[in-house]
Structure formats: C-alpha cells, structure tokens
Amino acid sequence: MEKGLIINNRAANDSWRMFHIMAEFVEGFDALSVIGPAVSIFGSARVGPDSPIYAKAEEIARLLVRNGFSIITGGGPGVMEAANKGAAEEGGTSIGLRIELSKDEVYNDYSNLTLRFRYFFVRKVMFIKYAMAYVILPGGYGTMDECFEALNLIVTEKSRTFPVIFVGTDYWQGLTDWMQNIPVITGTLLPRDMEIFQIVDEPEEVVRAIKKLVIL
C-alpha cells in the first residue's frame, strides 16, 4: 500500500510538472513571437566590465541593434549583461531569458523584456526558435552546451540552418582543431559538419557574417 502511494504521488507530481512546462512554453511563445529578427548571444557569466570580452560583447550587441536585430541572452551577468547593456543603451529590444538556479542567482538589469524559466530545455527552445543567428563568446559548460545543441540540431536537420559564429580565435581554435583532428579523422564527425560554424575576432566581422547569410 505504501509503495502504491509513493508511485501515485510521483505520477501526480509529474502531471503538475507537465502543466508548468506547458505554461512556460505558452508564455515564451506569446512574449517572443513579436520581437522581429533577433540574435542570441552566449558567453561566460564570470567576466567583469573591465574584461575585453565584456567590451566586445557590448559592442557586438550595439552593432547588431543598429542593423535591425533584437538581442537575446540568458539574462545573467558577464557576457550576458554586456550584450543586454549594449542592446538597451542602443535603443533596441534587449531580451533576458533567465533560468532558476538558486536563491543567490545574479541577473542583470539591462533587459527590457525578461522571461523566467524553471526548465533548461524550454529556455533552449526559445533561444533556437526566435534567433536568426548564434554568437558564441568565450564561456564554459553552459555556453558550450548551448552552441553544441544548436550545431547538433542543424546537422540532424531538426532545425533550420542559421549562422553559428564563435568569437575569439585564441579561445576557440584549440577546440575546433581537436574536432578536426580527432572526430573528423575518426569519422565521428563529417568534414561538412565543420562548415556550419565560423570563427571571427572583431564585432564588425560578426555583423558582416550574419548579414551575409540572413535576409531581414
């Protein structure tokens, strides 16, 4: 009897969780369906305003807004703050898709459209669905999780093809060299899989790369 109660309680909790997930999808679709062309920008939460990476993220966002794009970030500090700041101060739509992690989680104050998510996978759908390009600045596991999710969806044709741009040759080249020298050589990646992203260094290059492949 006790075992049956545990199972039933779990089923009830899963049912309520399903409704919460649906609600997050509905809220995200309603809020983001009107934002127009947008670019998702990712990078470390651990860089400060005195970092060259922070400055570069801010400038990329400013240039993209001037060229007609809204900016989407994870709404946190570091690169996310820099991108939201650049977009907001340039007069653009600055979107922060926040994730519930802990009571001590830090967010930035520069997003003028903010959504909060409990589930990472719902948030990932919003990044993919409403972005016309991904810009990946130096970052850790979270940054790499987002970029490889996008690359995998493109390769498997579960998503439309869109620009994925790594910023920072000195940071990303070692990773891409490994991909070329190990997975491609062993056949776990195809040579054409390496053609769906590019590495650039300057904010102007990011904008040119996106405008070359995206028609507004």
N, C-alpha and C. Protein backbone atom coordinates (compact mmCIF):
# COMPACT_ATOMS: atom_id res chain seq x y z
N MET A 1 0.83 -1.21 0.00
CA MET A 1 0.00 0.00 0.00
C MET A 1 0.86 1.25 0.00
N GLU A 2 1.88 1.28 0.90
CA GLU A 2 2.75 2.45 0.97
C GLU A 2 3.48 2.65 -0.35
N LYS A 3 3.92 1.53 -0.95
CA LYS A 3 4.62 1.63 -2.23
C LYS A 3 3.70 2.22 -3.29
N GLY A 4 2.45 1.81 -3.29
CA GLY A 4 1.49 2.35 -4.24
C GLY A 4 1.26 3.84 -4.05
N LEU A 5 1.26 4.30 -2.81
CA LEU A 5 1.09 5.71 -2.55
C LEU A 5 2.25 6.52 -3.08
N ILE A 6 3.47 5.98 -2.95
CA ILE A 6 4.65 6.68 -3.47
C ILE A 6 4.56 6.82 -4.97
N ILE A 7 4.17 5.75 -5.64
CA ILE A 7 4.04 5.78 -7.10
C ILE A 7 2.99 6.78 -7.53
N ASN A 8 1.84 6.78 -6.83
CA ASN A 8 0.76 7.70 -7.19
C ASN A 8 1.18 9.15 -6.97
N ASN A 9 1.90 9.41 -5.88
CA ASN A 9 2.36 10.77 -5.62
C ASN A 9 3.31 11.24 -6.71
N ARG A 10 4.20 10.34 -7.16
CA ARG A 10 5.12 10.69 -8.23
C ARG A 10 4.37 11.00 -9.51
N ALA A 11 3.36 10.19 -9.81
CA ALA A 11 2.57 10.43 -11.02
C ALA A 11 1.85 11.77 -10.94
N ALA A 12 1.32 12.10 -9.77
CA ALA A 12 0.64 13.38 -9.60
C ALA A 12 1.61 14.53 -9.79
N ASN A 13 2.81 14.39 -9.19
CA ASN A 13 3.82 15.45 -9.34
C ASN A 13 4.22 15.63 -10.80
N ASP A 14 4.36 14.52 -11.52
CA ASP A 14 4.73 14.61 -12.94
C ASP A 14 3.62 15.28 -13.74
N SER A 15 2.38 15.02 -13.40
CA SER A 15 1.27 15.64 -14.13
C SER A 15 1.27 17.15 -13.93
N TRP A 16 1.47 17.60 -12.69
CA TRP A 16 1.52 19.03 -12.44
C TRP A 16 2.74 19.66 -13.11
N ARG A 17 3.84 18.92 -13.13
CA ARG A 17 5.05 19.42 -13.79
C ARG A 17 4.79 19.64 -15.29
N MET A 18 4.02 18.74 -15.89
CA MET A 18 3.70 18.88 -17.31
C MET A 18 2.96 20.19 -17.57
N PHE A 19 2.02 20.54 -16.69
CA PHE A 19 1.28 21.80 -16.87
C PHE A 19 2.19 23.01 -16.72
N HIS A 20 3.15 22.91 -15.80
CA HIS A 20 4.10 24.02 -15.63
C HIS A 20 4.96 24.18 -16.88
N ILE A 21 5.38 23.06 -17.44
CA ILE A 21 6.17 23.10 -18.67
C ILE A 21 5.37 23.73 -19.80
N MET A 22 4.11 23.32 -19.94
CA MET A 22 3.25 23.90 -20.98
C MET A 22 3.09 25.40 -20.78
N ALA A 23 2.95 25.81 -19.52
CA ALA A 23 2.77 27.23 -19.25
C ALA A 23 4.01 28.03 -19.64
N GLU A 24 5.20 27.46 -19.41
CA GLU A 24 6.42 28.16 -19.79
C GLU A 24 6.52 28.29 -21.31
N PHE A 25 6.15 27.24 -22.03
CA PHE A 25 6.15 27.33 -23.50
C PHE A 25 5.17 28.41 -23.97
N VAL A 26 3.97 28.42 -23.44
CA VAL A 26 2.96 29.38 -23.87
C VAL A 26 3.42 30.81 -23.59
N GLU A 27 3.94 31.04 -22.39
CA GLU A 27 4.40 32.38 -22.04
C GLU A 27 5.54 32.82 -22.96
N GLY A 28 6.48 31.90 -23.23
CA GLY A 28 7.59 32.23 -24.11
C GLY A 28 7.15 32.52 -25.53
N PHE A 29 6.29 31.69 -26.07
CA PHE A 29 5.79 31.90 -27.44
C PHE A 29 5.05 33.22 -27.55
N ASP A 30 4.20 33.53 -26.57
CA ASP A 30 3.43 34.77 -26.62
C ASP A 30 4.33 36.00 -26.56
N ALA A 31 5.33 35.96 -25.70
CA ALA A 31 6.17 37.14 -25.50
C ALA A 31 7.15 37.36 -26.64
N LEU A 32 7.67 36.29 -27.23
CA LEU A 32 8.75 36.42 -28.20
C LEU A 32 8.30 36.40 -29.65
N SER A 33 7.06 36.08 -29.90
CA SER A 33 6.59 35.97 -31.28
C SER A 33 6.55 37.32 -32.00
N VAL A 34 6.67 38.42 -31.25
CA VAL A 34 6.53 39.75 -31.86
C VAL A 34 7.85 40.53 -31.89
N ILE A 35 8.96 39.89 -31.56
CA ILE A 35 10.20 40.66 -31.37
C ILE A 35 10.92 40.98 -32.68
N GLY A 36 10.57 40.31 -33.77
CA GLY A 36 11.27 40.56 -35.02
C GLY A 36 12.59 39.80 -35.07
N PRO A 37 13.44 40.11 -36.06
CA PRO A 37 14.71 39.38 -36.20
C PRO A 37 15.60 39.57 -34.98
N ALA A 38 16.15 38.49 -34.48
CA ALA A 38 16.95 38.55 -33.25
C ALA A 38 18.17 37.67 -33.36
N VAL A 39 19.16 37.97 -32.52
CA VAL A 39 20.39 37.18 -32.43
C VAL A 39 20.58 36.78 -30.98
N SER A 40 20.86 35.50 -30.73
CA SER A 40 21.17 35.03 -29.38
C SER A 40 22.67 35.13 -29.15
N ILE A 41 23.06 35.73 -28.04
CA ILE A 41 24.47 35.90 -27.69
C ILE A 41 24.75 35.15 -26.40
N PHE A 42 25.81 34.32 -26.43
CA PHE A 42 26.18 33.49 -25.28
C PHE A 42 27.62 33.78 -24.87
N GLY A 43 27.93 33.50 -23.61
CA GLY A 43 29.29 33.66 -23.12
C GLY A 43 29.31 33.57 -21.61
N SER A 44 30.49 33.65 -21.06
CA SER A 44 30.69 33.42 -19.63
C SER A 44 29.98 34.45 -18.76
N ALA A 45 29.43 33.96 -17.66
CA ALA A 45 28.85 34.84 -16.64
C ALA A 45 29.94 35.40 -15.72
N ARG A 46 31.18 34.95 -15.89
CA ARG A 46 32.23 35.26 -14.92
C ARG A 46 33.18 36.36 -15.35
N VAL A 47 32.91 37.00 -16.47
CA VAL A 47 33.76 38.12 -16.89
C VAL A 47 33.14 39.43 -16.41
N GLY A 48 34.00 40.37 -16.02
CA GLY A 48 33.52 41.64 -15.49
C GLY A 48 33.59 42.76 -16.51
N PRO A 49 33.06 43.92 -16.15
CA PRO A 49 33.05 45.07 -17.07
C PRO A 49 34.44 45.52 -17.52
N ASP A 50 35.49 45.14 -16.77
CA ASP A 50 36.85 45.51 -17.16
C ASP A 50 37.48 44.52 -18.13
N SER A 51 36.75 43.47 -18.51
CA SER A 51 37.28 42.45 -19.40
C SER A 51 37.12 42.85 -20.87
N PRO A 52 38.11 42.57 -21.71
CA PRO A 52 37.95 42.81 -23.15
C PRO A 52 36.80 42.00 -23.75
N ILE A 53 36.52 40.84 -23.17
CA ILE A 53 35.42 40.01 -23.66
C ILE A 53 34.09 40.73 -23.42
N TYR A 54 33.94 41.33 -22.25
CA TYR A 54 32.74 42.10 -21.91
C TYR A 54 32.57 43.24 -22.91
N ALA A 55 33.64 43.97 -23.14
CA ALA A 55 33.58 45.11 -24.07
C ALA A 55 33.20 44.65 -25.48
N LYS A 56 33.73 43.51 -25.88
CA LYS A 56 33.44 43.02 -27.23
C LYS A 56 31.98 42.60 -27.35
N ALA A 57 31.46 41.94 -26.32
CA ALA A 57 30.05 41.53 -26.34
C ALA A 57 29.13 42.75 -26.41
N GLU A 58 29.48 43.78 -25.66
CA GLU A 58 28.67 45.01 -25.66
C GLU A 58 28.68 45.66 -27.04
N GLU A 59 29.84 45.70 -27.67
CA GLU A 59 29.94 46.33 -28.99
C GLU A 59 29.22 45.51 -30.05
N ILE A 60 29.31 44.19 -29.97
CA ILE A 60 28.59 43.33 -30.92
C ILE A 60 27.09 43.60 -30.84
N ALA A 61 26.57 43.68 -29.62
CA ALA A 61 25.13 43.94 -29.44
C ALA A 61 24.74 45.30 -30.00
N ARG A 62 25.56 46.31 -29.75
CA ARG A 62 25.26 47.64 -30.27
C ARG A 62 25.19 47.62 -31.80
N LEU A 63 26.17 47.00 -32.43
CA LEU A 63 26.20 46.95 -33.89
C LEU A 63 25.02 46.18 -34.45
N LEU A 64 24.66 45.10 -33.80
CA LEU A 64 23.53 44.30 -34.28
C LEU A 64 22.23 45.09 -34.18
N VAL A 65 22.04 45.82 -33.09
CA VAL A 65 20.84 46.65 -32.95
C VAL A 65 20.80 47.70 -34.06
N ARG A 66 21.93 48.32 -34.35
CA ARG A 66 21.98 49.32 -35.42
C ARG A 66 21.61 48.72 -36.77
N ASN A 67 21.80 47.42 -36.88
CA ASN A 67 21.49 46.75 -38.14
C ASN A 67 20.15 46.02 -38.11
N GLY A 68 19.31 46.36 -37.15
CA GLY A 68 17.94 45.89 -37.17
C GLY A 68 17.62 44.64 -36.37
N PHE A 69 18.54 44.19 -35.51
CA PHE A 69 18.32 42.97 -34.75
C PHE A 69 18.00 43.26 -33.29
N SER A 70 17.15 42.43 -32.71
CA SER A 70 17.00 42.38 -31.26
C SER A 70 18.06 41.44 -30.70
N ILE A 71 18.31 41.54 -29.40
CA ILE A 71 19.34 40.73 -28.75
C ILE A 71 18.71 39.85 -27.68
N ILE A 72 19.06 38.56 -27.71
CA ILE A 72 18.58 37.61 -26.71
C ILE A 72 19.79 37.07 -25.94
N THR A 73 19.71 37.09 -24.61
CA THR A 73 20.74 36.47 -23.78
C THR A 73 20.07 35.66 -22.67
N GLY A 74 20.90 35.06 -21.84
CA GLY A 74 20.38 34.32 -20.70
C GLY A 74 20.03 35.20 -19.52
N GLY A 75 20.22 36.52 -19.66
CA GLY A 75 19.78 37.44 -18.63
C GLY A 75 20.67 37.54 -17.40
N GLY A 76 21.82 36.87 -17.43
CA GLY A 76 22.70 36.88 -16.27
C GLY A 76 23.79 37.92 -16.35
N PRO A 77 24.83 37.77 -15.52
CA PRO A 77 25.95 38.71 -15.53
C PRO A 77 26.94 38.39 -16.65
N GLY A 78 28.09 39.07 -16.63
CA GLY A 78 29.15 38.77 -17.58
C GLY A 78 28.82 39.15 -19.00
N VAL A 79 29.08 38.22 -19.92
CA VAL A 79 28.79 38.45 -21.34
C VAL A 79 27.31 38.76 -21.56
N MET A 80 26.45 38.08 -20.84
CA MET A 80 25.01 38.32 -20.99
C MET A 80 24.66 39.76 -20.62
N GLU A 81 25.20 40.23 -19.51
CA GLU A 81 24.96 41.62 -19.11
C GLU A 81 25.48 42.59 -20.16
N ALA A 82 26.70 42.32 -20.66
CA ALA A 82 27.30 43.21 -21.65
C ALA A 82 26.43 43.31 -22.90
N ALA A 83 25.93 42.18 -23.38
CA ALA A 83 25.11 42.18 -24.58
C ALA A 83 23.78 42.87 -24.34
N ASN A 84 23.14 42.59 -23.20
CA ASN A 84 21.89 43.28 -22.88
C ASN A 84 22.11 44.78 -22.72
N LYS A 85 23.23 45.15 -22.12
CA LYS A 85 23.54 46.57 -21.94
C LYS A 85 23.71 47.27 -23.29
N GLY A 86 24.52 46.66 -24.16
CA GLY A 86 24.74 47.26 -25.46
C GLY A 86 23.45 47.43 -26.24
N ALA A 87 22.58 46.41 -26.18
CA ALA A 87 21.31 46.48 -26.90
C ALA A 87 20.39 47.54 -26.32
N ALA A 88 20.27 47.57 -25.00
CA ALA A 88 19.36 48.52 -24.34
C ALA A 88 19.83 49.95 -24.55
N GLU A 89 21.11 50.21 -24.37
CA GLU A 89 21.61 51.58 -24.50
C GLU A 89 21.59 52.06 -25.94
N GLU A 90 21.54 51.12 -26.88
CA GLU A 90 21.44 51.49 -28.29
C GLU A 90 19.99 51.69 -28.71
N GLY A 91 19.07 51.45 -27.77
CA GLY A 91 17.65 51.66 -28.05
C GLY A 91 16.96 50.45 -28.67
N GLY A 92 17.58 49.27 -28.55
CA GLY A 92 17.00 48.08 -29.15
C GLY A 92 16.24 47.23 -28.15
N THR A 93 15.65 46.16 -28.64
CA THR A 93 14.98 45.20 -27.77
C THR A 93 16.03 44.29 -27.15
N SER A 94 16.10 44.31 -25.83
CA SER A 94 17.12 43.59 -25.07
C SER A 94 16.44 42.54 -24.21
N ILE A 95 16.57 41.28 -24.61
CA ILE A 95 15.77 40.19 -24.01
C ILE A 95 16.64 39.33 -23.10
N GLY A 96 16.16 39.08 -21.91
CA GLY A 96 16.85 38.20 -20.97
C GLY A 96 16.00 37.00 -20.63
N LEU A 97 16.47 35.81 -21.01
CA LEU A 97 15.76 34.56 -20.69
C LEU A 97 16.41 33.94 -19.47
N ARG A 98 15.91 34.29 -18.32
CA ARG A 98 16.54 33.87 -17.06
C ARG A 98 16.17 32.44 -16.71
N ILE A 99 17.08 31.77 -15.99
CA ILE A 99 16.83 30.41 -15.54
C ILE A 99 16.92 30.36 -14.02
N GLU A 100 16.01 29.66 -13.38
CA GLU A 100 16.04 29.50 -11.93
C GLU A 100 17.12 28.49 -11.57
N LEU A 101 18.16 28.95 -10.86
CA LEU A 101 19.23 28.05 -10.45
C LEU A 101 19.34 27.97 -8.93
N SER A 102 19.38 29.11 -8.27
CA SER A 102 19.48 29.15 -6.82
C SER A 102 18.98 30.48 -6.31
N LYS A 103 18.82 30.58 -5.01
CA LYS A 103 18.35 31.82 -4.42
C LYS A 103 19.37 32.94 -4.59
N ASP A 104 20.63 32.57 -4.77
CA ASP A 104 21.69 33.57 -4.87
C ASP A 104 22.02 33.93 -6.31
N GLU A 105 21.21 33.45 -7.26
CA GLU A 105 21.50 33.71 -8.67
C GLU A 105 21.47 35.21 -8.96
N VAL A 106 22.45 35.68 -9.74
CA VAL A 106 22.57 37.09 -10.08
C VAL A 106 22.08 37.32 -11.50
N TYR A 107 21.27 38.34 -11.70
CA TYR A 107 20.78 38.71 -13.03
C TYR A 107 21.24 40.13 -13.35
N ASN A 108 21.10 40.51 -14.60
CA ASN A 108 21.44 41.88 -14.95
C ASN A 108 20.18 42.73 -15.12
N ASP A 109 20.35 44.03 -15.08
CA ASP A 109 19.22 44.95 -15.11
C ASP A 109 19.02 45.61 -16.48
N TYR A 110 19.64 45.07 -17.51
CA TYR A 110 19.63 45.74 -18.81
C TYR A 110 18.63 45.15 -19.81
N SER A 111 17.93 44.10 -19.43
CA SER A 111 16.94 43.55 -20.36
C SER A 111 15.63 44.33 -20.22
N ASN A 112 15.06 44.72 -21.35
CA ASN A 112 13.77 45.40 -21.29
C ASN A 112 12.61 44.45 -21.62
N LEU A 113 12.94 43.20 -21.82
CA LEU A 113 11.95 42.12 -21.91
C LEU A 113 12.56 40.91 -21.21
N THR A 114 11.96 40.51 -20.10
CA THR A 114 12.52 39.45 -19.27
C THR A 114 11.53 38.31 -19.11
N LEU A 115 12.00 37.09 -19.31
CA LEU A 115 11.22 35.89 -19.04
C LEU A 115 12.00 35.00 -18.08
N ARG A 116 11.28 34.29 -17.25
CA ARG A 116 11.92 33.40 -16.27
C ARG A 116 11.50 31.96 -16.53
N PHE A 117 12.48 31.06 -16.49
CA PHE A 117 12.23 29.65 -16.79
C PHE A 117 12.74 28.77 -15.65
N ARG A 118 11.99 27.71 -15.40
CA ARG A 118 12.44 26.69 -14.46
C ARG A 118 13.19 25.59 -15.20
N TYR A 119 12.84 25.36 -16.46
CA TYR A 119 13.37 24.22 -17.20
C TYR A 119 14.32 24.67 -18.30
N PHE A 120 15.53 24.13 -18.27
CA PHE A 120 16.53 24.48 -19.27
C PHE A 120 16.05 24.18 -20.69
N PHE A 121 15.38 23.05 -20.89
CA PHE A 121 15.03 22.65 -22.25
C PHE A 121 13.98 23.58 -22.86
N VAL A 122 13.09 24.13 -22.03
CA VAL A 122 12.12 25.09 -22.55
C VAL A 122 12.86 26.36 -22.97
N ARG A 123 13.76 26.81 -22.15
CA ARG A 123 14.56 28.00 -22.44
C ARG A 123 15.37 27.81 -23.72
N LYS A 124 15.93 26.62 -23.91
CA LYS A 124 16.71 26.36 -25.13
C LYS A 124 15.85 26.48 -26.38
N VAL A 125 14.61 26.02 -26.29
CA VAL A 125 13.70 26.16 -27.44
C VAL A 125 13.53 27.62 -27.81
N MET A 126 13.43 28.49 -26.80
CA MET A 126 13.24 29.92 -27.07
C MET A 126 14.47 30.51 -27.75
N PHE A 127 15.65 30.14 -27.30
CA PHE A 127 16.87 30.62 -27.94
C PHE A 127 16.92 30.23 -29.41
N ILE A 128 16.57 28.98 -29.69
CA ILE A 128 16.66 28.47 -31.06
C ILE A 128 15.54 29.04 -31.93
N LYS A 129 14.33 28.99 -31.43
CA LYS A 129 13.16 29.33 -32.25
C LYS A 129 13.16 30.79 -32.68
N TYR A 130 13.62 31.68 -31.80
CA TYR A 130 13.47 33.10 -32.08
C TYR A 130 14.78 33.80 -32.45
N ALA A 131 15.84 33.05 -32.67
CA ALA A 131 17.11 33.65 -33.09
C ALA A 131 17.39 33.31 -34.55
N MET A 132 17.89 34.29 -35.27
CA MET A 132 18.30 34.09 -36.66
C MET A 132 19.79 33.77 -36.75
N ALA A 133 20.50 33.90 -35.62
CA ALA A 133 21.92 33.58 -35.56
C ALA A 133 22.32 33.38 -34.11
N TYR A 134 23.40 32.61 -33.90
CA TYR A 134 24.00 32.41 -32.59
C TYR A 134 25.39 33.04 -32.60
N VAL A 135 25.69 33.83 -31.59
CA VAL A 135 27.03 34.39 -31.42
C VAL A 135 27.59 33.84 -30.11
N ILE A 136 28.72 33.15 -30.20
CA ILE A 136 29.29 32.43 -29.06
C ILE A 136 30.60 33.08 -28.64
N LEU A 137 30.59 33.80 -27.54
CA LEU A 137 31.81 34.36 -26.99
C LEU A 137 32.41 33.37 -26.00
N PRO A 138 33.65 33.62 -25.54
CA PRO A 138 34.28 32.69 -24.60
C PRO A 138 33.38 32.40 -23.39
N GLY A 139 33.28 31.13 -23.06
CA GLY A 139 32.45 30.71 -21.94
C GLY A 139 32.74 29.27 -21.55
N GLY A 140 32.01 28.79 -20.57
CA GLY A 140 32.24 27.45 -20.03
C GLY A 140 31.19 26.45 -20.47
N TYR A 141 30.82 25.55 -19.55
CA TYR A 141 29.91 24.46 -19.89
C TYR A 141 28.57 24.97 -20.45
N GLY A 142 27.99 25.98 -19.81
CA GLY A 142 26.70 26.47 -20.26
C GLY A 142 26.76 27.01 -21.67
N THR A 143 27.81 27.78 -21.96
CA THR A 143 28.00 28.33 -23.29
C THR A 143 28.17 27.22 -24.32
N MET A 144 29.02 26.25 -24.00
CA MET A 144 29.26 25.15 -24.94
C MET A 144 28.03 24.27 -25.10
N ASP A 145 27.26 24.12 -24.04
CA ASP A 145 26.02 23.35 -24.14
C ASP A 145 25.07 23.99 -25.15
N GLU A 146 24.91 25.30 -25.07
CA GLU A 146 24.02 25.99 -25.99
C GLU A 146 24.51 25.90 -27.43
N CYS A 147 25.82 26.08 -27.65
CA CYS A 147 26.30 26.10 -29.03
C CYS A 147 26.28 24.70 -29.65
N PHE A 148 26.63 23.68 -28.88
CA PHE A 148 26.61 22.33 -29.45
C PHE A 148 25.19 21.81 -29.63
N GLU A 149 24.26 22.27 -28.80
CA GLU A 149 22.85 21.95 -29.03
C GLU A 149 22.42 22.48 -30.40
N ALA A 150 22.79 23.73 -30.70
CA ALA A 150 22.43 24.33 -31.97
C ALA A 150 23.08 23.59 -33.14
N LEU A 151 24.37 23.30 -33.01
CA LEU A 151 25.07 22.61 -34.09
C LEU A 151 24.47 21.23 -34.35
N ASN A 152 24.11 20.53 -33.28
CA ASN A 152 23.52 19.21 -33.45
C ASN A 152 22.16 19.28 -34.13
N LEU A 153 21.35 20.27 -33.77
CA LEU A 153 20.04 20.43 -34.40
C LEU A 153 20.18 20.76 -35.89
N ILE A 154 21.18 21.56 -36.24
CA ILE A 154 21.41 21.88 -37.64
C ILE A 154 21.86 20.64 -38.41
N VAL A 155 22.82 19.91 -37.86
CA VAL A 155 23.36 18.72 -38.54
C VAL A 155 22.28 17.66 -38.75
N THR A 156 21.42 17.48 -37.75
CA THR A 156 20.37 16.46 -37.84
C THR A 156 19.12 16.96 -38.56
N GLU A 157 19.17 18.21 -39.02
CA GLU A 157 18.06 18.83 -39.74
C GLU A 157 16.79 18.91 -38.91
N LYS A 158 16.96 19.01 -37.60
CA LYS A 158 15.83 19.26 -36.71
C LYS A 158 15.58 20.75 -36.52
N SER A 159 16.46 21.54 -37.10
CA SER A 159 16.32 22.99 -37.08
C SER A 159 16.71 23.52 -38.44
N ARG A 160 16.24 24.70 -38.77
CA ARG A 160 16.71 25.37 -39.97
C ARG A 160 18.21 25.66 -39.81
N THR A 161 18.90 25.83 -40.90
CA THR A 161 20.30 26.24 -40.84
C THR A 161 20.38 27.74 -40.58
N PHE A 162 21.18 28.12 -39.62
CA PHE A 162 21.38 29.53 -39.31
C PHE A 162 22.83 29.75 -38.90
N PRO A 163 23.32 30.99 -38.99
CA PRO A 163 24.73 31.24 -38.66
C PRO A 163 25.05 30.95 -37.20
N VAL A 164 26.13 30.21 -36.97
CA VAL A 164 26.69 29.99 -35.64
C VAL A 164 28.11 30.54 -35.68
N ILE A 165 28.35 31.57 -34.91
CA ILE A 165 29.60 32.32 -35.02
C ILE A 165 30.32 32.32 -33.67
N PHE A 166 31.50 31.71 -33.64
CA PHE A 166 32.35 31.77 -32.47
C PHE A 166 33.18 33.05 -32.53
N VAL A 167 33.30 33.74 -31.41
CA VAL A 167 34.08 34.97 -31.36
C VAL A 167 35.32 34.73 -30.50
N GLY A 168 36.51 34.87 -31.12
CA GLY A 168 37.75 34.71 -30.37
C GLY A 168 38.56 33.52 -30.85
N THR A 169 39.40 33.76 -31.85
CA THR A 169 40.24 32.67 -32.38
C THR A 169 41.11 32.07 -31.29
N ASP A 170 41.70 32.92 -30.45
CA ASP A 170 42.61 32.43 -29.42
C ASP A 170 41.90 31.53 -28.41
N TYR A 171 40.60 31.74 -28.22
CA TYR A 171 39.85 30.92 -27.26
C TYR A 171 39.31 29.64 -27.89
N TRP A 172 38.79 29.72 -29.10
CA TRP A 172 38.05 28.61 -29.69
C TRP A 172 38.86 27.75 -30.66
N GLN A 173 39.99 28.23 -31.14
CA GLN A 173 40.70 27.49 -32.17
C GLN A 173 41.17 26.12 -31.69
N GLY A 174 41.59 26.03 -30.44
CA GLY A 174 42.03 24.74 -29.92
C GLY A 174 40.92 23.70 -29.95
N LEU A 175 39.70 24.12 -29.62
CA LEU A 175 38.56 23.21 -29.66
C LEU A 175 38.28 22.76 -31.08
N THR A 176 38.27 23.70 -32.01
CA THR A 176 37.96 23.33 -33.39
C THR A 176 39.09 22.52 -34.03
N ASP A 177 40.33 22.78 -33.62
CA ASP A 177 41.45 21.94 -34.09
C ASP A 177 41.27 20.50 -33.62
N TRP A 178 40.88 20.34 -32.36
CA TRP A 178 40.63 18.98 -31.85
C TRP A 178 39.51 18.30 -32.62
N MET A 179 38.42 19.04 -32.89
CA MET A 179 37.31 18.47 -33.65
C MET A 179 37.77 18.01 -35.03
N GLN A 180 38.63 18.82 -35.66
CA GLN A 180 39.13 18.49 -36.99
C GLN A 180 40.09 17.30 -36.96
N ASN A 181 40.90 17.23 -35.92
CA ASN A 181 41.98 16.24 -35.87
C ASN A 181 41.58 14.91 -35.24
N ILE A 182 40.52 14.90 -34.45
CA ILE A 182 40.11 13.65 -33.80
C ILE A 182 38.75 13.17 -34.32
N PRO A 183 37.64 13.85 -34.04
CA PRO A 183 36.35 13.35 -34.51
C PRO A 183 36.25 13.24 -36.04
N VAL A 184 36.75 14.24 -36.78
CA VAL A 184 36.65 14.16 -38.24
C VAL A 184 37.53 13.03 -38.77
N ILE A 185 38.74 12.91 -38.25
CA ILE A 185 39.65 11.86 -38.72
C ILE A 185 39.10 10.47 -38.41
N THR A 186 38.48 10.32 -37.24
CA THR A 186 37.94 9.01 -36.87
C THR A 186 36.56 8.74 -37.47
N GLY A 187 35.97 9.74 -38.09
CA GLY A 187 34.69 9.55 -38.75
C GLY A 187 33.48 9.80 -37.89
N THR A 188 33.67 10.24 -36.65
CA THR A 188 32.51 10.53 -35.80
C THR A 188 31.90 11.89 -36.11
N LEU A 189 32.65 12.73 -36.81
CA LEU A 189 32.11 13.93 -37.44
C LEU A 189 32.46 13.87 -38.93
N LEU A 190 31.59 14.42 -39.75
CA LEU A 190 31.87 14.51 -41.18
C LEU A 190 32.55 15.84 -41.49
N PRO A 191 33.38 15.87 -42.51
CA PRO A 191 34.02 17.15 -42.87
C PRO A 191 33.01 18.29 -43.05
N ARG A 192 31.86 17.97 -43.63
CA ARG A 192 30.88 19.05 -43.84
C ARG A 192 30.30 19.57 -42.53
N ASP A 193 30.39 18.77 -41.45
CA ASP A 193 29.90 19.24 -40.15
C ASP A 193 30.73 20.41 -39.63
N MET A 194 31.93 20.55 -40.13
CA MET A 194 32.80 21.65 -39.70
C MET A 194 32.50 22.94 -40.46
N GLU A 195 31.61 22.86 -41.43
CA GLU A 195 31.32 24.03 -42.27
C GLU A 195 30.11 24.82 -41.79
N ILE A 196 29.46 24.37 -40.73
CA ILE A 196 28.23 25.02 -40.29
C ILE A 196 28.48 26.09 -39.23
N PHE A 197 29.75 26.35 -38.91
CA PHE A 197 30.08 27.44 -38.00
C PHE A 197 31.33 28.13 -38.50
N GLN A 198 31.62 29.28 -37.94
CA GLN A 198 32.84 30.00 -38.29
C GLN A 198 33.38 30.71 -37.07
N ILE A 199 34.66 31.06 -37.11
CA ILE A 199 35.31 31.79 -36.03
C ILE A 199 35.74 33.15 -36.55
N VAL A 200 35.39 34.20 -35.80
CA VAL A 200 35.82 35.56 -36.14
C VAL A 200 36.36 36.21 -34.87
N ASP A 201 36.91 37.41 -35.04
CA ASP A 201 37.51 38.09 -33.88
C ASP A 201 36.92 39.45 -33.57
N GLU A 202 36.47 40.16 -34.58
CA GLU A 202 36.03 41.53 -34.36
C GLU A 202 34.51 41.68 -34.47
N PRO A 203 33.95 42.60 -33.69
CA PRO A 203 32.50 42.82 -33.75
C PRO A 203 31.97 43.07 -35.16
N GLU A 204 32.70 43.84 -35.94
CA GLU A 204 32.27 44.12 -37.31
C GLU A 204 32.19 42.86 -38.16
N GLU A 205 33.09 41.91 -37.89
CA GLU A 205 33.07 40.64 -38.62
C GLU A 205 31.83 39.83 -38.27
N VAL A 206 31.41 39.91 -37.04
CA VAL A 206 30.20 39.20 -36.61
C VAL A 206 29.00 39.71 -37.41
N VAL A 207 28.86 41.02 -37.47
CA VAL A 207 27.72 41.61 -38.18
C VAL A 207 27.77 41.27 -39.67
N ARG A 208 28.95 41.37 -40.27
CA ARG A 208 29.06 41.04 -41.69
C ARG A 208 28.70 39.59 -41.95
N ALA A 209 29.15 38.69 -41.10
CA ALA A 209 28.88 37.26 -41.28
C ALA A 209 27.39 36.98 -41.19
N ILE A 210 26.71 37.63 -40.26
CA ILE A 210 25.28 37.41 -40.11
C ILE A 210 24.51 38.01 -41.29
N LYS A 211 24.82 39.23 -41.65
CA LYS A 211 24.11 39.89 -42.75
C LYS A 211 24.33 39.17 -44.08
N LYS A 212 25.46 38.50 -44.21
CA LYS A 212 25.74 37.76 -45.44
C LYS A 212 24.80 36.57 -45.61
N LEU A 213 24.37 36.01 -44.48
CA LEU A 213 23.58 34.78 -44.51
C LEU A 213 22.11 34.98 -44.13
N VAL A 214 21.78 36.13 -43.56
CA VAL A 214 20.42 36.38 -43.08
C VAL A 214 19.81 37.53 -43.86
N ILE A 215 18.62 37.31 -44.39
CA ILE A 215 17.89 38.35 -45.10
C ILE A 215 16.79 38.89 -44.19
N LEU A 216 16.85 40.17 -43.87
CA LEU A 216 15.84 40.77 -42.99
C LEU A 216 14.57 41.11 -43.78
